[in-house]
Protein backbone atom coordinates (compact mmCIF):
# COMPACT_ATOMS: atom_id res chain seq x y z
CA MET A 1 27.95 -5.06 -0.63
CA ARG A 2 29.00 -1.78 -2.20
CA ALA A 3 27.33 -0.16 -5.23
CA ASN A 4 28.16 2.98 -7.23
CA LEU A 5 25.74 5.85 -7.64
CA VAL A 6 24.96 6.36 -11.37
CA ARG A 7 24.12 9.78 -12.81
CA ILE A 8 20.61 9.94 -14.21
CA GLY A 9 19.99 13.55 -15.27
CA ASN A 10 20.12 15.62 -12.10
CA SER A 11 19.46 12.56 -10.00
CA ARG A 12 21.41 9.45 -9.00
CA GLY A 13 20.48 5.77 -9.32
CA ILE A 14 21.66 2.56 -7.80
CA ARG A 15 21.91 -0.71 -9.66
CA ILE A 16 20.56 -3.37 -7.27
CA PRO A 17 21.64 -6.93 -7.95
CA LYS A 18 18.83 -9.41 -8.91
CA LYS A 19 19.58 -11.58 -5.89
CA LEU A 20 18.93 -8.70 -3.44
CA LEU A 21 15.82 -7.72 -5.39
CA GLU A 22 14.44 -11.20 -4.93
CA GLN A 23 15.40 -11.42 -1.29
CA CYS A 24 13.66 -8.05 -0.53
CA HIS A 25 10.64 -8.83 -2.79
CA LEU A 26 11.24 -5.58 -4.72
CA GLU A 27 9.53 -5.48 -8.12
CA ARG A 28 8.36 -2.47 -10.07
CA GLU A 29 7.51 0.15 -7.49
CA VAL A 30 9.26 0.86 -4.24
CA GLU A 31 8.87 3.29 -1.41
CA LEU A 32 11.89 5.33 -0.17
CA GLU A 33 12.23 6.45 3.39
CA VAL A 34 14.90 8.27 5.27
CA ARG A 35 15.47 6.67 8.68
CA ARG A 36 17.87 8.78 10.65
CA ASP A 37 20.78 9.00 8.27
CA HIS A 38 19.95 5.87 6.25
CA LEU A 39 17.94 5.38 3.05
CA ALA A 40 15.43 2.57 3.26
CA VAL A 41 14.07 0.99 0.07
CA LEU A 42 10.81 -0.93 0.76
CA PRO A 43 8.35 -2.81 -1.41
CA ALA A 44 5.50 -0.52 -2.31
CA ALA A 45 2.37 -1.37 -0.40
CA ARG A 46 -0.47 -2.48 -2.60
CA ALA A 47 -3.47 -0.28 -2.41
CA ARG A 48 -6.17 -1.77 -0.20
CA ALA A 49 -3.90 -4.75 0.80
CA GLY A 50 -5.45 -6.63 3.69
CA TRP A 51 -8.87 -5.05 3.34
CA ASP A 52 -10.63 -8.35 2.54
CA GLU A 53 -9.50 -9.87 5.82
CA ALA A 54 -10.21 -6.73 7.79
CA PHE A 55 -13.82 -6.52 6.46
CA ARG A 56 -14.30 -10.22 7.09
CA SER A 57 -13.09 -9.83 10.72
CA MET A 58 -15.32 -6.81 11.19
CA ALA A 59 -18.43 -8.70 9.91
CA GLU A 60 -17.64 -11.65 12.19
CA SER A 61 -17.37 -9.42 15.20
CA GLY A 62 -20.46 -7.36 14.33
CA ASP A 63 -18.36 -4.26 13.85
CA ASP A 64 -19.47 -3.49 10.36
CA ALA A 65 -22.52 -1.26 11.06
CA LEU A 66 -22.84 2.22 9.63
CA LEU A 67 -21.45 4.90 11.88
CA GLN A 68 -23.86 7.62 10.67
CA ARG A 69 -27.53 6.72 10.53
CA GLY A 70 -30.40 8.56 8.92
CA ILE A 71 -28.45 9.86 5.90
CA GLU A 72 -30.29 7.77 3.28
CA THR A 73 -32.56 9.50 0.86
CA SER A 74 -35.90 8.43 -0.63
CA TRP A 75 -33.92 7.28 -3.76
CA ASP A 76 -31.83 5.05 -1.50
CA ARG A 77 -34.93 3.50 -0.03
CA THR A 78 -36.89 2.97 -3.32
CA GLU A 79 -34.31 2.83 -6.19
CA TRP A 80 -31.14 1.32 -4.76
CA LYS A 81 -30.79 -2.42 -5.35
CA TRP A 82 -28.17 -4.62 -3.68
């Protein structure tokens, strides 16, 4: 499929047909990458995507302990409530 570059100020834009947007799961925000001599348009990764599953897996495998011990203060021990 061919598309024309459209002038937008000093930049250029591409009109992407709705069908392609749906197939590629592109919504509001995208990430652009140059791969060799090609432009790749990718769905923007959601911040913290997959963290829930990663934390759950870490807890199940016992890999969720603090890496640095002994940094708590007296406030942490007496005032902090979980």
